[in-house]
PDB file of all heavy atoms in Angstrom:
ATOM      1  N   PHE A   1       0.847  -1.191   0.000  1.00  0.00           N
ATOM      2  CA  PHE A   1       0.000   0.000   0.000  1.00  0.00           C
ATOM      3  C   PHE A   1       0.881   1.239   0.000  1.00  0.00           C
ATOM      4  O   PHE A   1       1.883   1.291   0.722  1.00  0.00           O
ATOM      5  CB  PHE A   1      -0.906   0.040   1.233  1.00  0.00           C
ATOM      6  CG  PHE A   1      -2.016  -0.957   1.216  1.00  0.00           C
ATOM      7  CD1 PHE A   1      -2.132  -1.912   2.220  1.00  0.00           C
ATOM      8  CD2 PHE A   1      -2.972  -0.939   0.208  1.00  0.00           C
ATOM      9  CE1 PHE A   1      -3.162  -2.842   2.211  1.00  0.00           C
ATOM     10  CE2 PHE A   1      -4.010  -1.866   0.192  1.00  0.00           C
ATOM     11  CZ  PHE A   1      -4.103  -2.818   1.186  1.00  0.00           C
ATOM     12  N   ASP A   2       0.525   2.234  -0.825  1.00  0.00           N
ATOM     13  CA  ASP A   2       1.099   3.556  -0.684  1.00  0.00           C
ATOM     14  C   ASP A   2      -0.021   4.494  -0.241  1.00  0.00           C
ATOM     15  O   ASP A   2      -1.107   4.036   0.149  1.00  0.00           O
ATOM     16  CB  ASP A   2       1.792   4.014  -1.973  1.00  0.00           C
ATOM     17  CG  ASP A   2       0.833   4.247  -3.133  1.00  0.00           C
ATOM     18  OD1 ASP A   2      -0.403   4.142  -2.939  1.00  0.00           O
ATOM     19  OD2 ASP A   2       1.318   4.542  -4.246  1.00  0.00           O
ATOM     20  N   ASP A   3       0.183   5.781  -0.295  1.00  0.00           N
ATOM     21  CA  ASP A   3      -0.822   6.730   0.198  1.00  0.00           C
ATOM     22  C   ASP A   3      -2.114   6.706  -0.613  1.00  0.00           C
ATOM     23  O   ASP A   3      -3.163   7.161  -0.136  1.00  0.00           O
ATOM     24  CB  ASP A   3      -0.246   8.147   0.196  1.00  0.00           C
ATOM     25  CG  ASP A   3       0.852   8.314   1.238  1.00  0.00           C
ATOM     26  OD1 ASP A   3       0.898   7.491   2.174  1.00  0.00           O
ATOM     27  OD2 ASP A   3       1.657   9.252   1.108  1.00  0.00           O
ATOM     28  N   ASP A   4      -2.057   6.164  -1.832  1.00  0.00           N
ATOM     29  CA  ASP A   4      -3.239   6.181  -2.699  1.00  0.00           C
ATOM     30  C   ASP A   4      -3.882   4.810  -2.859  1.00  0.00           C
ATOM     31  O   ASP A   4      -4.784   4.635  -3.687  1.00  0.00           O
ATOM     32  CB  ASP A   4      -2.866   6.741  -4.080  1.00  0.00           C
ATOM     33  CG  ASP A   4      -2.403   8.186  -4.001  1.00  0.00           C
ATOM     34  OD1 ASP A   4      -3.045   8.966  -3.261  1.00  0.00           O
ATOM     35  OD2 ASP A   4      -1.392   8.537  -4.659  1.00  0.00           O
ATOM     36  N   GLY A   5      -3.392   3.808  -2.132  1.00  0.00           N
ATOM     37  CA  GLY A   5      -4.011   2.500  -2.222  1.00  0.00           C
ATOM     38  C   GLY A   5      -3.042   1.394  -2.561  1.00  0.00           C
ATOM     39  O   GLY A   5      -1.816   1.521  -2.403  1.00  0.00           O
ATOM     40  N   ALA A   6      -3.600   0.287  -3.055  1.00  0.00           N
ATOM     41  CA  ALA A   6      -2.801  -0.910  -3.328  1.00  0.00           C
ATOM     42  C   ALA A   6      -1.929  -0.719  -4.562  1.00  0.00           C
ATOM     43  O   ALA A   6      -2.364  -0.140  -5.571  1.00  0.00           O
ATOM     44  CB  ALA A   6      -3.721  -2.108  -3.511  1.00  0.00           C
ATOM     45  N   VAL A   7      -0.695  -1.227  -4.500  1.00  0.00           N
ATOM     46  CA  VAL A   7       0.242  -1.089  -5.619  1.00  0.00           C
ATOM     47  C   VAL A   7       1.023  -2.379  -5.814  1.00  0.00           C
ATOM     48  O   VAL A   7       1.236  -3.155  -4.871  1.00  0.00           O
ATOM     49  CB  VAL A   7       1.233   0.070  -5.399  1.00  0.00           C
ATOM     50  CG1 VAL A   7       0.527   1.415  -5.339  1.00  0.00           C
ATOM     51  CG2 VAL A   7       2.079  -0.156  -4.157  1.00  0.00           C
ATOM     52  N   LEU A   8       1.408  -2.620  -7.052  1.00  0.00           N
ATOM     53  CA  LEU A   8       2.395  -3.640  -7.402  1.00  0.00           C
ATOM     54  C   LEU A   8       3.620  -2.911  -7.919  1.00  0.00           C
ATOM     55  O   LEU A   8       3.511  -2.020  -8.774  1.00  0.00           O
ATOM     56  CB  LEU A   8       1.852  -4.589  -8.470  1.00  0.00           C
ATOM     57  CG  LEU A   8       0.757  -5.554  -8.033  1.00  0.00           C
ATOM     58  CD1 LEU A   8       0.244  -6.352  -9.228  1.00  0.00           C
ATOM     59  CD2 LEU A   8       1.270  -6.518  -6.949  1.00  0.00           C
ATOM     60  N   LEU A   9       4.785  -3.263  -7.412  1.00  0.00           N
ATOM     61  CA  LEU A   9       6.012  -2.569  -7.803  1.00  0.00           C
ATOM     62  C   LEU A   9       6.545  -3.102  -9.128  1.00  0.00           C
ATOM     63  O   LEU A   9       6.530  -4.308  -9.388  1.00  0.00           O
ATOM     64  CB  LEU A   9       7.081  -2.739  -6.722  1.00  0.00           C
ATOM     65  CG  LEU A   9       6.743  -2.177  -5.332  1.00  0.00           C
ATOM     66  CD1 LEU A   9       7.888  -2.463  -4.368  1.00  0.00           C
ATOM     67  CD2 LEU A   9       6.448  -0.692  -5.396  1.00  0.00           C
ATOM     68  N   THR A  10       6.983  -2.190  -9.969  1.00  0.00           N
ATOM     69  CA  THR A  10       7.695  -2.554 -11.196  1.00  0.00           C
ATOM     70  C   THR A  10       9.099  -1.968 -11.088  1.00  0.00           C
ATOM     71  O   THR A  10       9.322  -0.971 -10.391  1.00  0.00           O
ATOM     72  CB  THR A  10       6.989  -2.013 -12.447  1.00  0.00           C
ATOM     73  OG1 THR A  10       6.944  -0.577 -12.399  1.00  0.00           O
ATOM     74  CG2 THR A  10       5.572  -2.557 -12.551  1.00  0.00           C
ATOM     75  N   PHE A  11      10.026  -2.587 -11.795  1.00  0.00           N
ATOM     76  CA  PHE A  11      11.421  -2.185 -11.683  1.00  0.00           C
ATOM     77  C   PHE A  11      11.996  -1.910 -13.062  1.00  0.00           C
ATOM     78  O   PHE A  11      11.797  -2.702 -13.992  1.00  0.00           O
ATOM     79  CB  PHE A  11      12.242  -3.271 -10.978  1.00  0.00           C
ATOM     80  CG  PHE A  11      11.831  -3.481  -9.546  1.00  0.00           C
ATOM     81  CD1 PHE A  11      10.716  -4.260  -9.233  1.00  0.00           C
ATOM     82  CD2 PHE A  11      12.534  -2.882  -8.523  1.00  0.00           C
ATOM     83  CE1 PHE A  11      10.329  -4.447  -7.917  1.00  0.00           C
ATOM     84  CE2 PHE A  11      12.149  -3.073  -7.192  1.00  0.00           C
ATOM     85  CZ  PHE A  11      11.043  -3.854  -6.899  1.00  0.00           C
ATOM     86  N   ALA A  12      12.678  -0.773 -13.173  1.00  0.00           N
ATOM     87  CA  ALA A  12      13.291  -0.415 -14.454  1.00  0.00           C
ATOM     88  C   ALA A  12      14.367  -1.431 -14.809  1.00  0.00           C
ATOM     89  O   ALA A  12      15.059  -1.970 -13.935  1.00  0.00           O
ATOM     90  CB  ALA A  12      13.890   0.989 -14.371  1.00  0.00           C
ATOM     91  N   ALA A  13      14.479  -1.702 -16.105  1.00  0.00           N
ATOM     92  CA  ALA A  13      15.506  -2.650 -16.564  1.00  0.00           C
ATOM     93  C   ALA A  13      16.887  -2.106 -16.247  1.00  0.00           C
ATOM     94  O   ALA A  13      17.149  -0.910 -16.389  1.00  0.00           O
ATOM     95  CB  ALA A  13      15.358  -2.889 -18.065  1.00  0.00           C
ATOM     96  N   VAL A  14      17.772  -2.991 -15.788  1.00  0.00           N
ATOM     97  CA  VAL A  14      19.142  -2.597 -15.467  1.00  0.00           C
ATOM     98  C   VAL A  14      19.945  -2.515 -16.759  1.00  0.00           C
ATOM     99  O   VAL A  14      19.950  -3.458 -17.556  1.00  0.00           O
ATOM    100  CB  VAL A  14      19.789  -3.613 -14.502  1.00  0.00           C
ATOM    101  CG1 VAL A  14      21.229  -3.227 -14.206  1.00  0.00           C
ATOM    102  CG2 VAL A  14      18.974  -3.696 -13.221  1.00  0.00           C
ATOM    103  N   ALA A  15      20.609  -1.376 -16.968  1.00  0.00           N
ATOM    104  CA  ALA A  15      21.431  -1.209 -18.172  1.00  0.00           C
ATOM    105  C   ALA A  15      22.593  -2.194 -18.135  1.00  0.00           C
ATOM    106  O   ALA A  15      23.151  -2.476 -17.072  1.00  0.00           O
ATOM    107  CB  ALA A  15      21.965   0.212 -18.245  1.00  0.00           C
ATOM    108  N   PRO A  16      22.952  -2.774 -19.295  1.00  0.00           N
ATOM    109  CA  PRO A  16      24.084  -3.706 -19.308  1.00  0.00           C
ATOM    110  C   PRO A  16      25.355  -3.037 -18.817  1.00  0.00           C
ATOM    111  O   PRO A  16      25.619  -1.879 -19.141  1.00  0.00           O
ATOM    112  CB  PRO A  16      24.194  -4.102 -20.796  1.00  0.00           C
ATOM    113  CG  PRO A  16      23.444  -3.054 -21.544  1.00  0.00           C
ATOM    114  CD  PRO A  16      22.380  -2.553 -20.626  1.00  0.00           C
ATOM    115  N   LYS A  17      26.103  -3.757 -18.014  1.00  0.00           N
ATOM    116  CA  LYS A  17      27.312  -3.206 -17.423  1.00  0.00           C
ATOM    117  C   LYS A  17      28.414  -3.076 -18.466  1.00  0.00           C
ATOM    118  O   LYS A  17      28.713  -4.014 -19.198  1.00  0.00           O
ATOM    119  CB  LYS A  17      27.785  -4.116 -16.280  1.00  0.00           C
ATOM    120  CG  LYS A  17      28.939  -3.551 -15.483  1.00  0.00           C
ATOM    121  CD  LYS A  17      29.293  -4.479 -14.335  1.00  0.00           C
ATOM    122  CE  LYS A  17      30.475  -3.926 -13.550  1.00  0.00           C
ATOM    123  NZ  LYS A  17      30.839  -4.834 -12.437  1.00  0.00           N
ATOM    124  N   THR A  18      29.005  -1.884 -18.529  1.00  0.00           N
ATOM    125  CA  THR A  18      30.114  -1.659 -19.453  1.00  0.00           C
ATOM    126  C   THR A  18      31.345  -2.385 -18.930  1.00  0.00           C
ATOM    127  O   THR A  18      31.671  -2.277 -17.746  1.00  0.00           O
ATOM    128  CB  THR A  18      30.423  -0.157 -19.564  1.00  0.00           C
ATOM    129  OG1 THR A  18      29.243   0.520 -19.997  1.00  0.00           O
ATOM    130  CG2 THR A  18      31.552   0.093 -20.551  1.00  0.00           C
ATOM    131  N   PRO A  19      32.035  -3.139 -19.779  1.00  0.00           N
ATOM    132  CA  PRO A  19      33.220  -3.856 -19.316  1.00  0.00           C
ATOM    133  C   PRO A  19      34.237  -2.894 -18.695  1.00  0.00           C
ATOM    134  O   PRO A  19      34.514  -1.828 -19.226  1.00  0.00           O
ATOM    135  CB  PRO A  19      33.782  -4.498 -20.597  1.00  0.00           C
ATOM    136  CG  PRO A  19      32.622  -4.561 -21.528  1.00  0.00           C
ATOM    137  CD  PRO A  19      31.768  -3.373 -21.210  1.00  0.00           C
ATOM    138  N   THR A  20      34.788  -3.280 -17.557  1.00  0.00           N
ATOM    139  CA  THR A  20      35.820  -2.482 -16.908  1.00  0.00           C
ATOM    140  C   THR A  20      37.131  -2.669 -17.650  1.00  0.00           C
ATOM    141  O   THR A  20      37.474  -3.770 -18.072  1.00  0.00           O
ATOM    142  CB  THR A  20      35.981  -2.920 -15.441  1.00  0.00           C
ATOM    143  OG1 THR A  20      34.714  -2.808 -14.796  1.00  0.00           O
ATOM    144  CG2 THR A  20      36.989  -2.055 -14.711  1.00  0.00           C
ATOM    145  N   ARG A  21      37.858  -1.579 -17.811  1.00  0.00           N
ATOM    146  CA  ARG A  21      39.130  -1.623 -18.518  1.00  0.00           C
ATOM    147  C   ARG A  21      40.298  -1.616 -17.540  1.00  0.00           C
ATOM    148  O   ARG A  21      40.262  -0.949 -16.513  1.00  0.00           O
ATOM    149  CB  ARG A  21      39.254  -0.419 -19.462  1.00  0.00           C
ATOM    150  CG  ARG A  21      38.201  -0.413 -20.570  1.00  0.00           C
ATOM    151  CD  ARG A  21      38.491  -1.465 -21.609  1.00  0.00           C
ATOM    152  NE  ARG A  21      37.397  -1.584 -22.584  1.00  0.00           N
ATOM    153  CZ  ARG A  21      37.443  -2.412 -23.626  1.00  0.00           C
ATOM    154  NH1 ARG A  21      38.503  -3.184 -23.816  1.00  0.00           N
ATOM    155  NH2 ARG A  21      36.436  -2.478 -24.463  1.00  0.00           N
ATOM    156  N   SER A  22      41.341  -2.361 -17.870  1.00  0.00           N
ATOM    157  CA  SER A  22      42.549  -2.338 -17.065  1.00  0.00           C
ATOM    158  C   SER A  22      43.344  -1.086 -17.415  1.00  0.00           C
ATOM    159  O   SER A  22      42.989  -0.330 -18.320  1.00  0.00           O
ATOM    160  CB  SER A  22      43.396  -3.588 -17.335  1.00  0.00           C
ATOM    161  OG  SER A  22      43.959  -3.525 -18.642  1.00  0.00           O
ATOM    162  N   ALA A  23      44.459  -0.867 -16.716  1.00  0.00           N
ATOM    163  CA  ALA A  23      45.274   0.324 -16.966  1.00  0.00           C
ATOM    164  C   ALA A  23      45.838   0.341 -18.377  1.00  0.00           C
ATOM    165  O   ALA A  23      46.143   1.411 -18.921  1.00  0.00           O
ATOM    166  CB  ALA A  23      46.411   0.394 -15.943  1.00  0.00           C
ATOM    167  N   SER A  24      45.970  -0.821 -19.021  1.00  0.00           N
ATOM    168  CA  SER A  24      46.502  -0.877 -20.380  1.00  0.00           C
ATOM    169  C   SER A  24      45.427  -0.670 -21.438  1.00  0.00           C
ATOM    170  O   SER A  24      45.724  -0.611 -22.621  1.00  0.00           O
ATOM    171  CB  SER A  24      47.184  -2.229 -20.623  1.00  0.00           C
ATOM    172  OG  SER A  24      46.216  -3.263 -20.670  1.00  0.00           O
ATOM    173  N   GLY A  25      44.150  -0.600 -21.001  1.00  0.00           N
ATOM    174  CA  GLY A  25      43.046  -0.444 -21.950  1.00  0.00           C
ATOM    175  C   GLY A  25      42.396  -1.753 -22.331  1.00  0.00           C
ATOM    176  O   GLY A  25      41.380  -1.761 -23.027  1.00  0.00           O
ATOM    177  N   SER A  26      42.929  -2.887 -21.867  1.00  0.00           N
ATOM    178  CA  SER A  26      42.321  -4.180 -22.157  1.00  0.00           C
ATOM    179  C   SER A  26      41.126  -4.401 -21.233  1.00  0.00           C
ATOM    180  O   SER A  26      40.953  -3.703 -20.232  1.00  0.00           O
ATOM    181  CB  SER A  26      43.343  -5.302 -21.971  1.00  0.00           C
ATOM    182  OG  SER A  26      43.739  -5.381 -20.613  1.00  0.00           O
ATOM    183  N   VAL A  27      40.295  -5.384 -21.567  1.00  0.00           N
ATOM    184  CA  VAL A  27      39.149  -5.700 -20.712  1.00  0.00           C
ATOM    185  C   VAL A  27      39.651  -6.334 -19.423  1.00  0.00           C
ATOM    186  O   VAL A  27      40.413  -7.307 -19.438  1.00  0.00           O
ATOM    187  CB  VAL A  27      38.172  -6.659 -21.425  1.00  0.00           C
ATOM    188  CG1 VAL A  27      37.046  -7.076 -20.474  1.00  0.00           C
ATOM    189  CG2 VAL A  27      37.588  -5.990 -22.657  1.00  0.00           C
ATOM    190  N   TYR A  28      39.219  -5.767 -18.287  1.00  0.00           N
ATOM    191  CA  TYR A  28      39.640  -6.283 -16.989  1.00  0.00           C
ATOM    192  C   TYR A  28      38.862  -7.565 -16.679  1.00  0.00           C
ATOM    193  O   TYR A  28      37.633  -7.583 -16.722  1.00  0.00           O
ATOM    194  CB  TYR A  28      39.388  -5.247 -15.900  1.00  0.00           C
ATOM    195  CG  TYR A  28      39.940  -5.634 -14.550  1.00  0.00           C
ATOM    196  CD1 TYR A  28      41.255  -5.358 -14.217  1.00  0.00           C
ATOM    197  CD2 TYR A  28      39.139  -6.286 -13.617  1.00  0.00           C
ATOM    198  CE1 TYR A  28      41.770  -5.717 -12.986  1.00  0.00           C
ATOM    199  CE2 TYR A  28      39.646  -6.653 -12.389  1.00  0.00           C
ATOM    200  CZ  TYR A  28      40.963  -6.367 -12.074  1.00  0.00           C
ATOM    201  OH  TYR A  28      41.468  -6.727 -10.857  1.00  0.00           O
ATOM    202  N   VAL A  29      39.590  -8.639 -16.383  1.00  0.00           N
ATOM    203  CA  VAL A  29      38.970  -9.929 -16.084  1.00  0.00           C
ATOM    204  C   VAL A  29      38.796 -10.024 -14.577  1.00  0.00           C
ATOM    205  O   VAL A  29      39.758 -10.237 -13.839  1.00  0.00           O
ATOM    206  CB  VAL A  29      39.824 -11.096 -16.615  1.00  0.00           C
ATOM    207  CG1 VAL A  29      39.119 -12.426 -16.344  1.00  0.00           C
ATOM    208  CG2 VAL A  29      40.102 -10.922 -18.097  1.00  0.00           C
ATOM    209  N   GLU A  30      37.546  -9.845 -14.109  1.00  0.00           N
ATOM    210  CA  GLU A  30      37.259  -9.810 -12.677  1.00  0.00           C
ATOM    211  C   GLU A  30      37.498 -11.179 -12.040  1.00  0.00           C
ATOM    212  O   GLU A  30      37.029 -12.198 -12.521  1.00  0.00           O
ATOM    213  CB  GLU A  30      35.803  -9.401 -12.456  1.00  0.00           C
ATOM    214  CG  GLU A  30      35.464  -9.076 -11.021  1.00  0.00           C
ATOM    215  CD  GLU A  30      36.067  -7.784 -10.548  1.00  0.00           C
ATOM    216  OE1 GLU A  30      36.132  -6.827 -11.344  1.00  0.00           O
ATOM    217  OE2 GLU A  30      36.495  -7.747  -9.374  1.00  0.00           O
ATOM    218  N   GLY A  31      38.282 -11.177 -10.967  1.00  0.00           N
ATOM    219  CA  GLY A  31      38.488 -12.393 -10.194  1.00  0.00           C
ATOM    220  C   GLY A  31      39.376 -13.436 -10.854  1.00  0.00           C
ATOM    221  O   GLY A  31      39.475 -14.563 -10.360  1.00  0.00           O
ATOM    222  N   ALA A  32      40.028 -13.074 -11.962  1.00  0.00           N
ATOM    223  CA  ALA A  32      40.861 -14.057 -12.664  1.00  0.00           C
ATOM    224  C   ALA A  32      42.133 -14.353 -11.871  1.00  0.00           C
ATOM    225  O   ALA A  32      42.747 -13.457 -11.292  1.00  0.00           O
ATOM    226  CB  ALA A  32      41.226 -13.542 -14.056  1.00  0.00           C
ATOM    227  N   ARG A  33      42.518 -15.608 -11.845  1.00  0.00           N
ATOM    228  CA  ARG A  33      43.763 -15.986 -11.192  1.00  0.00           C
ATOM    229  C   ARG A  33      44.925 -15.834 -12.171  1.00  0.00           C
ATOM    230  O   ARG A  33      44.775 -15.990 -13.370  1.00  0.00           O
ATOM    231  CB  ARG A  33      43.693 -17.435 -10.714  1.00  0.00           C
ATOM    232  CG  ARG A  33      42.672 -17.679  -9.608  1.00  0.00           C
ATOM    233  CD  ARG A  33      42.734 -19.117  -9.150  1.00  0.00           C
ATOM    234  NE  ARG A  33      41.791 -19.386  -8.063  1.00  0.00           N
ATOM    235  CZ  ARG A  33      41.667 -20.556  -7.471  1.00  0.00           C
ATOM    236  NH1 ARG A  33      42.410 -21.582  -7.866  1.00  0.00           N
ATOM    237  NH2 ARG A  33      40.789 -20.712  -6.491  1.00  0.00           N
TER     238      ARG A  33
END
């Protein structure tokens, strides 16, 4: 319930995550050994 009555929540789509770059400009591999 909100102030105006019953509601169902909707959620905006999450934008795709931009790949993180390493200091050299390559794609950073998260958690890589």
